[in-house]
Amino acid sequence: MADQPDDLARDRQTNRDVWRGIGLALVLHALQIPVAIITGGVSLFFVAVSQLLYELPALIIALVRHRSNVAIGILIGATLSFFVAFGTCAAWFMGMRY
C-alpha cells in the first residue's frame, strides 16, 4: 500500500511517453508534405513505403535509447496513419469503380 503513489507516478509517466511517441509519429508525418509536393502527390499512394523512411529510424533511435514507451507510441501512431491512408485510398479506388 505504501508504494501506490509510486505506481501511479510510473503509470502517468508511461502514458505520457506513449502519447509523446504518438505525437512524434504525427509530427514526422509532416515530412510527407514536401515529399508529396516533390512527387506530385504520387507518394501518397505509397504511404506505407515512404512512412518507413522516417518512422523506422525514429523507432530504432527510441529503442536504442531504451525508451520503449515512446517506441510503442511511434508504432501506434504509424499503424493508425497507415490504416487511415489505406482506407482513404481504398475509398478513392472504390469511388472510381462506380
Foldseek 3Di string as FASTA:
>chain_A
DVCVVVVVVVVVVLVVLLVLLLVVLVVVCVVVVVVCVVVVNPCLLVVVVVSCVPLVVVLVVCVVVVVVSSNNSVVVNSVVVVVVSVVVVVVVVVVVVD
